[in-house]
Amino acid sequence: RHMLRVECSRCSRIVEMQKAEAIRYFGADAIWKHVGQRLLDQTC
């Protein structure tokens, strides 16, 4: 997918990020679960 998206079950926030941008910030070998959790936690 070109656009990565994760939603919080608790506060119903949605965080979207382009795949290319995520690779640039976190690296190509990063697991999407860890990246998504980190994105949600930074703005909780």
PDB file of all heavy atoms in Angstrom:
ATOM      1  N   ARG A   1       0.829  -1.211   0.000  1.00  0.00           N
ATOM      2  CA  ARG A   1       0.000   0.000   0.000  1.00  0.00           C
ATOM      3  C   ARG A   1       0.855   1.249   0.000  1.00  0.00           C
ATOM      4  O   ARG A   1       1.939   1.291   0.565  1.00  0.00           O
ATOM      5  CB  ARG A   1      -0.910   0.007   1.212  1.00  0.00           C
ATOM      6  CG  ARG A   1      -1.860  -1.154   1.186  1.00  0.00           C
ATOM      7  CD  ARG A   1      -2.745  -1.159   2.368  1.00  0.00           C
ATOM      8  NE  ARG A   1      -3.641  -2.298   2.279  1.00  0.00           N
ATOM      9  CZ  ARG A   1      -4.297  -2.787   3.281  1.00  0.00           C
ATOM     10  NH1 ARG A   1      -4.193  -2.226   4.459  1.00  0.00           N
ATOM     11  NH2 ARG A   1      -5.075  -3.818   3.120  1.00  0.00           N
ATOM     12  N   HIS A   2       0.332   2.297  -0.605  1.00  0.00           N
ATOM     13  CA  HIS A   2       1.033   3.582  -0.666  1.00  0.00           C
ATOM     14  C   HIS A   2       0.831   4.383   0.621  1.00  0.00           C
ATOM     15  O   HIS A   2       1.741   5.032   1.109  1.00  0.00           O
ATOM     16  CB  HIS A   2       0.526   4.369  -1.871  1.00  0.00           C
ATOM     17  CG  HIS A   2       1.035   5.769  -1.945  1.00  0.00           C
ATOM     18  ND1 HIS A   2       2.351   6.056  -2.174  1.00  0.00           N
ATOM     19  CD2 HIS A   2       0.403   6.954  -1.799  1.00  0.00           C
ATOM     20  CE1 HIS A   2       2.516   7.380  -2.174  1.00  0.00           C
ATOM     21  NE2 HIS A   2       1.348   7.935  -1.947  1.00  0.00           N
ATOM     22  N   MET A   3      -0.385   4.281   1.190  1.00  0.00           N
ATOM     23  CA  MET A   3      -0.712   5.028   2.400  1.00  0.00           C
ATOM     24  C   MET A   3      -0.919   4.040   3.549  1.00  0.00           C
ATOM     25  O   MET A   3      -1.695   3.102   3.424  1.00  0.00           O
ATOM     26  CB  MET A   3      -1.996   5.837   2.174  1.00  0.00           C
ATOM     27  CG  MET A   3      -2.354   6.741   3.317  1.00  0.00           C
ATOM     28  SD  MET A   3      -1.184   8.068   3.581  1.00  0.00           S
ATOM     29  CE  MET A   3      -1.589   9.176   2.272  1.00  0.00           C
ATOM     30  N   LEU A   4      -0.227   4.254   4.652  1.00  0.00           N
ATOM     31  CA  LEU A   4      -0.348   3.409   5.837  1.00  0.00           C
ATOM     32  C   LEU A   4      -1.274   4.112   6.827  1.00  0.00           C
ATOM     33  O   LEU A   4      -1.180   5.316   7.029  1.00  0.00           O
ATOM     34  CB  LEU A   4       1.025   3.181   6.462  1.00  0.00           C
ATOM     35  CG  LEU A   4       2.067   2.564   5.534  1.00  0.00           C
ATOM     36  CD1 LEU A   4       3.413   2.517   6.224  1.00  0.00           C
ATOM     37  CD2 LEU A   4       1.634   1.189   5.092  1.00  0.00           C
ATOM     38  N   ARG A   5      -2.159   3.330   7.449  1.00  0.00           N
ATOM     39  CA  ARG A   5      -3.164   3.927   8.327  1.00  0.00           C
ATOM     40  C   ARG A   5      -3.396   3.036   9.538  1.00  0.00           C
ATOM     41  O   ARG A   5      -3.517   1.826   9.408  1.00  0.00           O
ATOM     42  CB  ARG A   5      -4.459   4.066   7.539  1.00  0.00           C
ATOM     43  CG  ARG A   5      -5.606   4.606   8.300  1.00  0.00           C
ATOM     44  CD  ARG A   5      -6.807   4.713   7.405  1.00  0.00           C
ATOM     45  NE  ARG A   5      -7.976   5.024   8.183  1.00  0.00           N
ATOM     46  CZ  ARG A   5      -9.147   5.266   7.683  1.00  0.00           C
ATOM     47  NH1 ARG A   5      -9.332   5.217   6.389  1.00  0.00           N
ATOM     48  NH2 ARG A   5     -10.159   5.551   8.461  1.00  0.00           N
ATOM     49  N   VAL A   6      -3.472   3.639  10.713  1.00  0.00           N
ATOM     50  CA  VAL A   6      -3.783   2.917  11.945  1.00  0.00           C
ATOM     51  C   VAL A   6      -4.739   3.779  12.767  1.00  0.00           C
ATOM     52  O   VAL A   6      -4.634   5.000  12.776  1.00  0.00           O
ATOM     53  CB  VAL A   6      -2.497   2.553  12.732  1.00  0.00           C
ATOM     54  CG1 VAL A   6      -1.756   3.783  13.177  1.00  0.00           C
ATOM     55  CG2 VAL A   6      -2.805   1.654  13.901  1.00  0.00           C
ATOM     56  N   GLU A   7      -5.695   3.119  13.443  1.00  0.00           N
ATOM     57  CA  GLU A   7      -6.706   3.823  14.238  1.00  0.00           C
ATOM     58  C   GLU A   7      -6.578   3.386  15.695  1.00  0.00           C
ATOM     59  O   GLU A   7      -6.267   2.237  15.979  1.00  0.00           O
ATOM     60  CB  GLU A   7      -8.104   3.478  13.719  1.00  0.00           C
ATOM     61  CG  GLU A   7      -9.215   4.125  14.511  1.00  0.00           C
ATOM     62  CD  GLU A   7     -10.586   3.700  14.016  1.00  0.00           C
ATOM     63  OE1 GLU A   7     -10.657   2.935  13.051  1.00  0.00           O
ATOM     64  OE2 GLU A   7     -11.572   4.136  14.617  1.00  0.00           O
ATOM     65  N   CYS A   8      -6.830   4.297  16.603  1.00  0.00           N
ATOM     66  CA  CYS A   8      -6.820   3.981  18.026  1.00  0.00           C
ATOM     67  C   CYS A   8      -8.212   3.520  18.440  1.00  0.00           C
ATOM     68  O   CYS A   8      -9.202   4.207  18.182  1.00  0.00           O
ATOM     69  CB  CYS A   8      -6.410   5.193  18.845  1.00  0.00           C
ATOM     70  SG  CYS A   8      -6.527   4.905  20.625  1.00  0.00           S
ATOM     71  N   SER A   9      -8.283   2.362  19.088  1.00  0.00           N
ATOM     72  CA  SER A   9      -9.570   1.843  19.556  1.00  0.00           C
ATOM     73  C   SER A   9     -10.071   2.605  20.775  1.00  0.00           C
ATOM     74  O   SER A   9     -11.257   2.568  21.094  1.00  0.00           O
ATOM     75  CB  SER A   9      -9.437   0.368  19.925  1.00  0.00           C
ATOM     76  OG  SER A   9      -9.093  -0.382  18.809  1.00  0.00           O
ATOM     77  N   ARG A  10      -9.190   3.294  21.433  1.00  0.00           N
ATOM     78  CA  ARG A  10      -9.536   3.984  22.666  1.00  0.00           C
ATOM     79  C   ARG A  10     -10.073   5.389  22.422  1.00  0.00           C
ATOM     80  O   ARG A  10     -11.111   5.761  22.939  1.00  0.00           O
ATOM     81  CB  ARG A  10      -8.297   4.042  23.549  1.00  0.00           C
ATOM     82  CG  ARG A  10      -8.539   4.548  24.920  1.00  0.00           C
ATOM     83  CD  ARG A  10      -7.263   4.433  25.711  1.00  0.00           C
ATOM     84  NE  ARG A  10      -7.491   4.754  27.085  1.00  0.00           N
ATOM     85  CZ  ARG A  10      -6.533   4.872  27.961  1.00  0.00           C
ATOM     86  NH1 ARG A  10      -5.289   4.675  27.606  1.00  0.00           N
ATOM     87  NH2 ARG A  10      -6.797   5.178  29.196  1.00  0.00           N
ATOM     88  N   CYS A  11      -9.347   6.169  21.642  1.00  0.00           N
ATOM     89  CA  CYS A  11      -9.748   7.564  21.435  1.00  0.00           C
ATOM     90  C   CYS A  11     -10.233   7.831  20.006  1.00  0.00           C
ATOM     91  O   CYS A  11     -10.543   8.965  19.669  1.00  0.00           O
ATOM     92  CB  CYS A  11      -8.616   8.513  21.796  1.00  0.00           C
ATOM     93  SG  CYS A  11      -7.147   8.344  20.777  1.00  0.00           S
ATOM     94  N   SER A  12     -10.257   6.817  19.159  1.00  0.00           N
ATOM     95  CA  SER A  12     -10.756   6.892  17.773  1.00  0.00           C
ATOM     96  C   SER A  12      -9.951   7.829  16.888  1.00  0.00           C
ATOM     97  O   SER A  12     -10.447   8.309  15.882  1.00  0.00           O
ATOM     98  CB  SER A  12     -12.231   7.302  17.750  1.00  0.00           C
ATOM     99  OG  SER A  12     -13.000   6.372  18.453  1.00  0.00           O
ATOM    100  N   ARG A  13      -8.711   8.095  17.275  1.00  0.00           N
ATOM    101  CA  ARG A  13      -7.841   8.890  16.412  1.00  0.00           C
ATOM    102  C   ARG A  13      -7.319   8.028  15.286  1.00  0.00           C
ATOM    103  O   ARG A  13      -7.092   6.835  15.449  1.00  0.00           O
ATOM    104  CB  ARG A  13      -6.651   9.450  17.188  1.00  0.00           C
ATOM    105  CG  ARG A  13      -6.914  10.752  17.831  1.00  0.00           C
ATOM    106  CD  ARG A  13      -5.687  11.342  18.511  1.00  0.00           C
ATOM    107  NE  ARG A  13      -4.759  10.365  19.035  1.00  0.00           N
ATOM    108  CZ  ARG A  13      -3.582  10.077  18.470  1.00  0.00           C
ATOM    109  NH1 ARG A  13      -3.193  10.691  17.399  1.00  0.00           N
ATOM    110  NH2 ARG A  13      -2.781   9.185  19.011  1.00  0.00           N
ATOM    111  N   ILE A  14      -7.101   8.629  14.129  1.00  0.00           N
ATOM    112  CA  ILE A  14      -6.544   7.927  12.977  1.00  0.00           C
ATOM    113  C   ILE A  14      -5.258   8.634  12.578  1.00  0.00           C
ATOM    114  O   ILE A  14      -5.220   9.858  12.453  1.00  0.00           O
ATOM    115  CB  ILE A  14      -7.533   7.926  11.795  1.00  0.00           C
ATOM    116  CG1 ILE A  14      -8.792   7.160  12.166  1.00  0.00           C
ATOM    117  CG2 ILE A  14      -6.887   7.327  10.561  1.00  0.00           C
ATOM    118  CD1 ILE A  14      -9.892   7.237  11.133  1.00  0.00           C
ATOM    119  N   VAL A  15      -4.200   7.854  12.397  1.00  0.00           N
ATOM    120  CA  VAL A  15      -2.918   8.391  11.955  1.00  0.00           C
ATOM    121  C   VAL A  15      -2.611   7.766  10.606  1.00  0.00           C
ATOM    122  O   VAL A  15      -2.655   6.548  10.454  1.00  0.00           O
ATOM    123  CB  VAL A  15      -1.791   8.067  12.958  1.00  0.00           C
ATOM    124  CG1 VAL A  15      -0.461   8.578  12.452  1.00  0.00           C
ATOM    125  CG2 VAL A  15      -2.107   8.657  14.317  1.00  0.00           C
ATOM    126  N   GLU A  16      -2.328   8.614   9.620  1.00  0.00           N
ATOM    127  CA  GLU A  16      -1.958   8.151   8.287  1.00  0.00           C
ATOM    128  C   GLU A  16      -0.569   8.649   7.949  1.00  0.00           C
ATOM    129  O   GLU A  16      -0.181   9.746   8.354  1.00  0.00           O
ATOM    130  CB  GLU A  16      -2.936   8.667   7.231  1.00  0.00           C
ATOM    131  CG  GLU A  16      -4.278   8.023   7.271  1.00  0.00           C
ATOM    132  CD  GLU A  16      -5.171   8.487   6.133  1.00  0.00           C
ATOM    133  OE1 GLU A  16      -4.905   9.552   5.552  1.00  0.00           O
ATOM    134  OE2 GLU A  16      -6.113   7.771   5.832  1.00  0.00           O
ATOM    135  N   MET A  17       0.148   7.835   7.200  1.00  0.00           N
ATOM    136  CA  MET A  17       1.498   8.210   6.800  1.00  0.00           C
ATOM    137  C   MET A  17       1.807   7.528   5.476  1.00  0.00           C
ATOM    138  O   MET A  17       1.426   6.373   5.273  1.00  0.00           O
ATOM    139  CB  MET A  17       2.506   7.776   7.860  1.00  0.00           C
ATOM    140  CG  MET A  17       3.921   8.175   7.601  1.00  0.00           C
ATOM    141  SD  MET A  17       4.984   7.645   8.969  1.00  0.00           S
ATOM    142  CE  MET A  17       5.778   9.170   9.334  1.00  0.00           C
ATOM    143  N   GLN A  18       2.475   8.235   4.606  1.00  0.00           N
ATOM    144  CA  GLN A  18       2.874   7.619   3.344  1.00  0.00           C
ATOM    145  C   GLN A  18       3.966   6.592   3.614  1.00  0.00           C
ATOM    146  O   GLN A  18       4.801   6.776   4.498  1.00  0.00           O
ATOM    147  CB  GLN A  18       3.390   8.661   2.366  1.00  0.00           C
ATOM    148  CG  GLN A  18       2.319   9.557   1.816  1.00  0.00           C
ATOM    149  CD  GLN A  18       2.873  10.504   0.777  1.00  0.00           C
ATOM    150  OE1 GLN A  18       4.041  10.456   0.424  1.00  0.00           O
ATOM    151  NE2 GLN A  18       2.011  11.375   0.285  1.00  0.00           N
ATOM    152  N   LYS A  19       3.951   5.531   2.841  1.00  0.00           N
ATOM    153  CA  LYS A  19       4.918   4.458   3.017  1.00  0.00           C
ATOM    154  C   LYS A  19       6.351   4.982   2.815  1.00  0.00           C
ATOM    155  O   LYS A  19       7.253   4.663   3.593  1.00  0.00           O
ATOM    156  CB  LYS A  19       4.629   3.327   2.032  1.00  0.00           C
ATOM    157  CG  LYS A  19       5.615   2.198   2.102  1.00  0.00           C
ATOM    158  CD  LYS A  19       5.289   1.158   1.053  1.00  0.00           C
ATOM    159  CE  LYS A  19       6.463   0.263   0.820  1.00  0.00           C
ATOM    160  NZ  LYS A  19       6.233  -0.692  -0.255  1.00  0.00           N
ATOM    161  N   ALA A  20       6.559   5.811   1.816  1.00  0.00           N
ATOM    162  CA  ALA A  20       7.904   6.338   1.540  1.00  0.00           C
ATOM    163  C   ALA A  20       8.409   7.175   2.713  1.00  0.00           C
ATOM    164  O   ALA A  20       9.590   7.103   3.081  1.00  0.00           O
ATOM    165  CB  ALA A  20       7.890   7.166   0.260  1.00  0.00           C
ATOM    166  N   GLU A  21       7.514   7.950   3.311  1.00  0.00           N
ATOM    167  CA  GLU A  21       7.897   8.778   4.457  1.00  0.00           C
ATOM    168  C   GLU A  21       8.221   7.911   5.669  1.00  0.00           C
ATOM    169  O   GLU A  21       9.181   8.178   6.403  1.00  0.00           O
ATOM    170  CB  GLU A  21       6.756   9.740   4.771  1.00  0.00           C
ATOM    171  CG  GLU A  21       7.113  10.819   5.750  1.00  0.00           C
ATOM    172  CD  GLU A  21       5.968  11.807   5.918  1.00  0.00           C
ATOM    173  OE1 GLU A  21       4.851  11.555   5.428  1.00  0.00           O
ATOM    174  OE2 GLU A  21       6.203  12.829   6.559  1.00  0.00           O
ATOM    175  N   ALA A  22       7.431   6.851   5.890  1.00  0.00           N
ATOM    176  CA  ALA A  22       7.685   5.941   7.013  1.00  0.00           C
ATOM    177  C   ALA A  22       9.028   5.246   6.847  1.00  0.00           C
ATOM    178  O   ALA A  22       9.772   5.079   7.815  1.00  0.00           O
ATOM    179  CB  ALA A  22       6.559   4.917   7.119  1.00  0.00           C
ATOM    180  N   ILE A  23       9.349   4.833   5.630  1.00  0.00           N
ATOM    181  CA  ILE A  23      10.645   4.181   5.375  1.00  0.00           C
ATOM    182  C   ILE A  23      11.779   5.161   5.619  1.00  0.00           C
ATOM    183  O   ILE A  23      12.815   4.799   6.179  1.00  0.00           O
ATOM    184  CB  ILE A  23      10.677   3.601   3.944  1.00  0.00           C
ATOM    185  CG1 ILE A  23       9.757   2.385   3.860  1.00  0.00           C
ATOM    186  CG2 ILE A  23      12.092   3.228   3.530  1.00  0.00           C
ATOM    187  CD1 ILE A  23       9.620   1.805   2.472  1.00  0.00           C
ATOM    188  N   ARG A  24      11.580   6.415   5.236  1.00  0.00           N
ATOM    189  CA  ARG A  24      12.624   7.422   5.445  1.00  0.00           C
ATOM    190  C   ARG A  24      12.878   7.658   6.939  1.00  0.00           C
ATOM    191  O   ARG A  24      14.015   7.781   7.378  1.00  0.00           O
ATOM    192  CB  ARG A  24      12.233   8.725   4.759  1.00  0.00           C
ATOM    193  CG  ARG A  24      13.319   9.773   4.827  1.00  0.00           C
ATOM    194  CD  ARG A  24      12.999  11.016   4.036  1.00  0.00           C
ATOM    195  NE  ARG A  24      11.644  11.483   4.317  1.00  0.00           N
ATOM    196  CZ  ARG A  24      10.798  11.913   3.378  1.00  0.00           C
ATOM    197  NH1 ARG A  24      11.165  11.935   2.124  1.00  0.00           N
ATOM    198  NH2 ARG A  24       9.596  12.326   3.702  1.00  0.00           N
ATOM    199  N   TYR A  25      11.821   7.698   7.757  1.00  0.00           N
ATOM    200  CA  TYR A  25      11.972   7.957   9.188  1.00  0.00           C
ATOM    201  C   TYR A  25      12.388   6.728   9.993  1.00  0.00           C
ATOM    202  O   TYR A  25      13.185   6.820  10.915  1.00  0.00           O
ATOM    203  CB  TYR A  25      10.675   8.505   9.787  1.00  0.00           C
ATOM    204  CG  TYR A  25      10.345   9.907   9.354  1.00  0.00           C
ATOM    205  CD1 TYR A  25       9.067  10.221   8.919  1.00  0.00           C
ATOM    206  CD2 TYR A  25      11.295  10.921   9.372  1.00  0.00           C
ATOM    207  CE1 TYR A  25       8.747  11.503   8.517  1.00  0.00           C
ATOM    208  CE2 TYR A  25      10.981  12.198   8.967  1.00  0.00           C
ATOM    209  CZ  TYR A  25       9.712  12.489   8.540  1.00  0.00           C
ATOM    210  OH  TYR A  25       9.403  13.758   8.140  1.00  0.00           O
ATOM    211  N   PHE A  26      11.825   5.561   9.674  1.00  0.00           N
ATOM    212  CA  PHE A  26      12.013   4.382  10.517  1.00  0.00           C
ATOM    213  C   PHE A  26      12.848   3.279   9.874  1.00  0.00           C
ATOM    214  O   PHE A  26      13.230   2.331  10.548  1.00  0.00           O
ATOM    215  CB  PHE A  26      10.648   3.807  10.917  1.00  0.00           C
ATOM    216  CG  PHE A  26       9.798   4.791  11.664  1.00  0.00           C
ATOM    217  CD1 PHE A  26       8.759   5.454  11.036  1.00  0.00           C
ATOM    218  CD2 PHE A  26      10.041   5.067  13.000  1.00  0.00           C
ATOM    219  CE1 PHE A  26       7.967   6.366  11.716  1.00  0.00           C
ATOM    220  CE2 PHE A  26       9.258   5.964  13.696  1.00  0.00           C
ATOM    221  CZ  PHE A  26       8.226   6.624  13.048  1.00  0.00           C
ATOM    222  N   GLY A  27      13.095   3.349   8.569  1.00  0.00           N
ATOM    223  CA  GLY A  27      13.881   2.330   7.879  1.00  0.00           C
ATOM    224  C   GLY A  27      12.989   1.278   7.235  1.00  0.00           C
ATOM    225  O   GLY A  27      11.878   1.019   7.685  1.00  0.00           O
ATOM    226  N   ALA A  28      13.481   0.645   6.181  1.00  0.00           N
ATOM    227  CA  ALA A  28      12.696  -0.329   5.417  1.00  0.00           C
ATOM    228  C   ALA A  28      12.447  -1.608   6.200  1.00  0.00           C
ATOM    229  O   ALA A  28      11.483  -2.326   5.939  1.00  0.00           O
ATOM    230  CB  ALA A  28      13.398  -0.644   4.098  1.00  0.00           C
ATOM    231  N   ASP A  29      13.320  -1.936   7.164  1.00  0.00           N
ATOM    232  CA  ASP A  29      13.172  -3.177   7.923  1.00  0.00           C
ATOM    233  C   ASP A  29      12.296  -3.033   9.163  1.00  0.00           C
ATOM    234  O   ASP A  29      12.070  -4.014   9.874  1.00  0.00           O
ATOM    235  CB  ASP A  29      14.550  -3.702   8.346  1.00  0.00           C
ATOM    236  CG  ASP A  29      15.360  -4.169   7.149  1.00  0.00           C
ATOM    237  OD1 ASP A  29      14.737  -4.596   6.156  1.00  0.00           O
ATOM    238  OD2 ASP A  29      16.596  -4.116   7.203  1.00  0.00           O
ATOM    239  N   ALA A  30      11.778  -1.840   9.426  1.00  0.00           N
ATOM    240  CA  ALA A  30      10.931  -1.626  10.600  1.00  0.00           C
ATOM    241  C   ALA A  30       9.599  -2.356  10.420  1.00  0.00           C
ATOM    242  O   ALA A  30       9.053  -2.419   9.323  1.00  0.00           O
ATOM    243  CB  ALA A  30      10.688  -0.135  10.809  1.00  0.00           C
ATOM    244  N   ILE A  31       9.078  -2.899  11.509  1.00  0.00           N
ATOM    245  CA  ILE A  31       7.805  -3.601  11.486  1.00  0.00           C
ATOM    246  C   ILE A  31       6.681  -2.576  11.644  1.00  0.00           C
ATOM    247  O   ILE A  31       6.747  -1.677  12.485  1.00  0.00           O
ATOM    248  CB  ILE A  31       7.744  -4.643  12.632  1.00  0.00           C
ATOM    249  CG1 ILE A  31       8.938  -5.595  12.559  1.00  0.00           C
ATOM    250  CG2 ILE A  31       6.425  -5.413  12.606  1.00  0.00           C
ATOM    251  CD1 ILE A  31       8.991  -6.443  11.325  1.00  0.00           C
ATOM    252  N   TRP A  32       5.628  -2.706  10.831  1.00  0.00           N
ATOM    253  CA  TRP A  32       4.552  -1.731  10.828  1.00  0.00           C
ATOM    254  C   TRP A  32       3.858  -1.648  12.182  1.00  0.00           C
ATOM    255  O   TRP A  32       3.408  -0.586  12.612  1.00  0.00           O
ATOM    256  CB  TRP A  32       3.561  -2.047   9.723  1.00  0.00           C
ATOM    257  CG  TRP A  32       2.320  -1.222   9.717  1.00  0.00           C
ATOM    258  CD1 TRP A  32       1.056  -1.678   9.633  1.00  0.00           C
ATOM    259  CD2 TRP A  32       2.204   0.215   9.803  1.00  0.00           C
ATOM    260  NE1 TRP A  32       0.158  -0.636   9.671  1.00  0.00           N
ATOM    261  CE2 TRP A  32       0.846   0.542   9.777  1.00  0.00           C
ATOM    262  CE3 TRP A  32       3.118   1.246   9.923  1.00  0.00           C
ATOM    263  CZ2 TRP A  32       0.378   1.847   9.853  1.00  0.00           C
ATOM    264  CZ3 TRP A  32       2.655   2.553  10.006  1.00  0.00           C
ATOM    265  CH2 TRP A  32       1.304   2.842   9.968  1.00  0.00           C
ATOM    266  N   LYS A  33       3.779  -2.734  12.924  1.00  0.00           N
ATOM    267  CA  LYS A  33       3.159  -2.716  14.249  1.00  0.00           C
ATOM    268  C   LYS A  33       3.893  -1.756  15.181  1.00  0.00           C
ATOM    269  O   LYS A  33       3.270  -0.955  15.879  1.00  0.00           O
ATOM    270  CB  LYS A  33       3.181  -4.134  14.835  1.00  0.00           C
ATOM    271  CG  LYS A  33       2.639  -4.237  16.223  1.00  0.00           C
ATOM    272  CD  LYS A  33       2.716  -5.662  16.720  1.00  0.00           C
ATOM    273  CE  LYS A  33       2.175  -5.787  18.114  1.00  0.00           C
ATOM    274  NZ  LYS A  33       2.230  -7.162  18.603  1.00  0.00           N
ATOM    275  N   HIS A  34       5.208  -1.804  15.157  1.00  0.00           N
ATOM    276  CA  HIS A  34       6.001  -0.938  16.043  1.00  0.00           C
ATOM    277  C   HIS A  34       5.926   0.517  15.585  1.00  0.00           C
ATOM    278  O   HIS A  34       5.850   1.431  16.414  1.00  0.00           O
ATOM    279  CB  HIS A  34       7.451  -1.409  16.067  1.00  0.00           C
ATOM    280  CG  HIS A  34       7.593  -2.819  16.550  1.00  0.00           C
ATOM    281  ND1 HIS A  34       8.770  -3.356  16.961  1.00  0.00           N
ATOM    282  CD2 HIS A  34       6.699  -3.825  16.690  1.00  0.00           C
ATOM    283  CE1 HIS A  34       8.601  -4.610  17.331  1.00  0.00           C
ATOM    284  NE2 HIS A  34       7.339  -4.907  17.164  1.00  0.00           N
ATOM    285  N   VAL A  35       5.963   0.721  14.275  1.00  0.00           N
ATOM    286  CA  VAL A  35       5.885   2.081  13.742  1.00  0.00           C
ATOM    287  C   VAL A  35       4.516   2.698  14.059  1.00  0.00           C
ATOM    288  O   VAL A  35       4.435   3.833  14.526  1.00  0.00           O
ATOM    289  CB  VAL A  35       6.142   2.077  12.217  1.00  0.00           C
ATOM    290  CG1 VAL A  35       5.884   3.447  11.619  1.00  0.00           C
ATOM    291  CG2 VAL A  35       7.561   1.623  11.924  1.00  0.00           C
ATOM    292  N   GLY A  36       3.438   1.942  13.822  1.00  0.00           N
ATOM    293  CA  GLY A  36       2.097   2.451  14.099  1.00  0.00           C
ATOM    294  C   GLY A  36       1.884   2.764  15.564  1.00  0.00           C
ATOM    295  O   GLY A  36       1.293   3.784  15.920  1.00  0.00           O
ATOM    296  N   GLN A  37       2.376   1.884  16.445  1.00  0.00           N
ATOM    297  CA  GLN A  37       2.254   2.120  17.896  1.00  0.00           C
ATOM    298  C   GLN A  37       3.015   3.376  18.295  1.00  0.00           C
ATOM    299  O   GLN A  37       2.526   4.185  19.085  1.00  0.00           O
ATOM    300  CB  GLN A  37       2.782   0.913  18.669  1.00  0.00           C
ATOM    301  CG  GLN A  37       2.630   1.048  20.172  1.00  0.00           C
ATOM    302  CD  GLN A  37       1.185   1.003  20.604  1.00  0.00           C
ATOM    303  OE1 GLN A  37       0.465   0.075  20.245  1.00  0.00           O
ATOM    304  NE2 GLN A  37       0.749   1.989  21.364  1.00  0.00           N
ATOM    305  N   ARG A  38       4.187   3.549  17.729  1.00  0.00           N
ATOM    306  CA  ARG A  38       4.991   4.734  18.055  1.00  0.00           C
ATOM    307  C   ARG A  38       4.310   6.016  17.577  1.00  0.00           C
ATOM    308  O   ARG A  38       4.308   7.028  18.281  1.00  0.00           O
ATOM    309  CB  ARG A  38       6.371   4.588  17.421  1.00  0.00           C
ATOM    310  CG  ARG A  38       7.333   5.641  17.830  1.00  0.00           C
ATOM    311  CD  ARG A  38       8.727   5.274  17.402  1.00  0.00           C
ATOM    312  NE  ARG A  38       9.630   6.363  17.675  1.00  0.00           N
ATOM    313  CZ  ARG A  38      10.884   6.400  17.291  1.00  0.00           C
ATOM    314  NH1 ARG A  38      11.389   5.388  16.631  1.00  0.00           N
ATOM    315  NH2 ARG A  38      11.636   7.430  17.583  1.00  0.00           N
ATOM    316  N   LEU A  39       3.720   5.967  16.384  1.00  0.00           N
ATOM    317  CA  LEU A  39       3.019   7.146  15.872  1.00  0.00           C
ATOM    318  C   LEU A  39       1.824   7.498  16.746  1.00  0.00           C
ATOM    319  O   LEU A  39       1.570   8.679  17.008  1.00  0.00           O
ATOM    320  CB  LEU A  39       2.559   6.900  14.436  1.00  0.00           C
ATOM    321  CG  LEU A  39       3.645   6.835  13.374  1.00  0.00           C
ATOM    322  CD1 LEU A  39       3.052   6.398  12.046  1.00  0.00           C
ATOM    323  CD2 LEU A  39       4.351   8.166  13.240  1.00  0.00           C
ATOM    324  N   LEU A  40       1.094   6.497  17.208  1.00  0.00           N
ATOM    325  CA  LEU A  40      -0.054   6.767  18.074  1.00  0.00           C
ATOM    326  C   LEU A  40       0.394   7.272  19.444  1.00  0.00           C
ATOM    327  O   LEU A  40      -0.207   8.185  19.999  1.00  0.00           O
ATOM    328  CB  LEU A  40      -0.902   5.508  18.242  1.00  0.00           C
ATOM    329  CG  LEU A  40      -1.764   5.107  17.055  1.00  0.00           C
ATOM    330  CD1 LEU A  40      -2.430   3.769  17.303  1.00  0.00           C
ATOM    331  CD2 LEU A  40      -2.793   6.164  16.742  1.00  0.00           C
ATOM    332  N   ASP A  41       1.445   6.684  19.996  1.00  0.00           N
ATOM    333  CA  ASP A  41       1.905   7.066  21.330  1.00  0.00           C
ATOM    334  C   ASP A  41       2.459   8.482  21.374  1.00  0.00           C
ATOM    335  O   ASP A  41       2.367   9.160  22.387  1.00  0.00           O
ATOM    336  CB  ASP A  41       2.959   6.089  21.840  1.00  0.00           C
ATOM    337  CG  ASP A  41       2.346   4.768  22.259  1.00  0.00           C
ATOM    338  OD1 ASP A  41       1.113   4.712  22.427  1.00  0.00           O
ATOM    339  OD2 ASP A  41       3.102   3.791  22.414  1.00  0.00           O
ATOM    340  N   GLN A  42       3.050   8.939  20.289  1.00  0.00           N
ATOM    341  CA  GLN A  42       3.640  10.281  20.276  1.00  0.00           C
ATOM    342  C   GLN A  42       2.598  11.376  20.400  1.00  0.00           C
ATOM    343  O   GLN A  42       2.882  12.470  20.850  1.00  0.00           O
ATOM    344  CB  GLN A  42       4.446  10.492  18.986  1.00  0.00           C
ATOM    345  CG  GLN A  42       5.744   9.725  18.963  1.00  0.00           C
ATOM    346  CD  GLN A  42       6.465   9.876  17.640  1.00  0.00           C
ATOM    347  OE1 GLN A  42       5.921  10.386  16.679  1.00  0.00           O
ATOM    348  NE2 GLN A  42       7.703   9.417  17.598  1.00  0.00           N
ATOM    349  N   THR A  43       1.366  11.077  19.984  1.00  0.00           N
ATOM    350  CA  THR A  43       0.328  12.109  20.005  1.00  0.00           C
ATOM    351  C   THR A  43      -0.877  11.691  20.839  1.00  0.00           C
ATOM    352  O   THR A  43      -1.971  12.188  20.637  1.00  0.00           O
ATOM    353  CB  THR A  43      -0.130  12.419  18.568  1.00  0.00           C
ATOM    354  OG1 THR A  43      -0.571  11.199  17.958  1.00  0.00           O
ATOM    355  CG2 THR A  43       0.989  13.025  17.758  1.00  0.00           C
ATOM    356  N   CYS A  44      -0.680  10.786  21.778  1.00  0.00           N
ATOM    357  CA  CYS A  44      -1.794  10.282  22.586  1.00  0.00           C
ATOM    358  C   CYS A  44      -2.336  11.378  23.500  1.00  0.00           C
ATOM    359  O   CYS A  44      -1.587  12.123  24.118  1.00  0.00           O
ATOM    360  CB  CYS A  44      -1.345   9.084  23.418  1.00  0.00           C
ATOM    361  SG  CYS A  44      -2.667   8.396  24.421  1.00  0.00           S
TER     362      CYS A  44
END
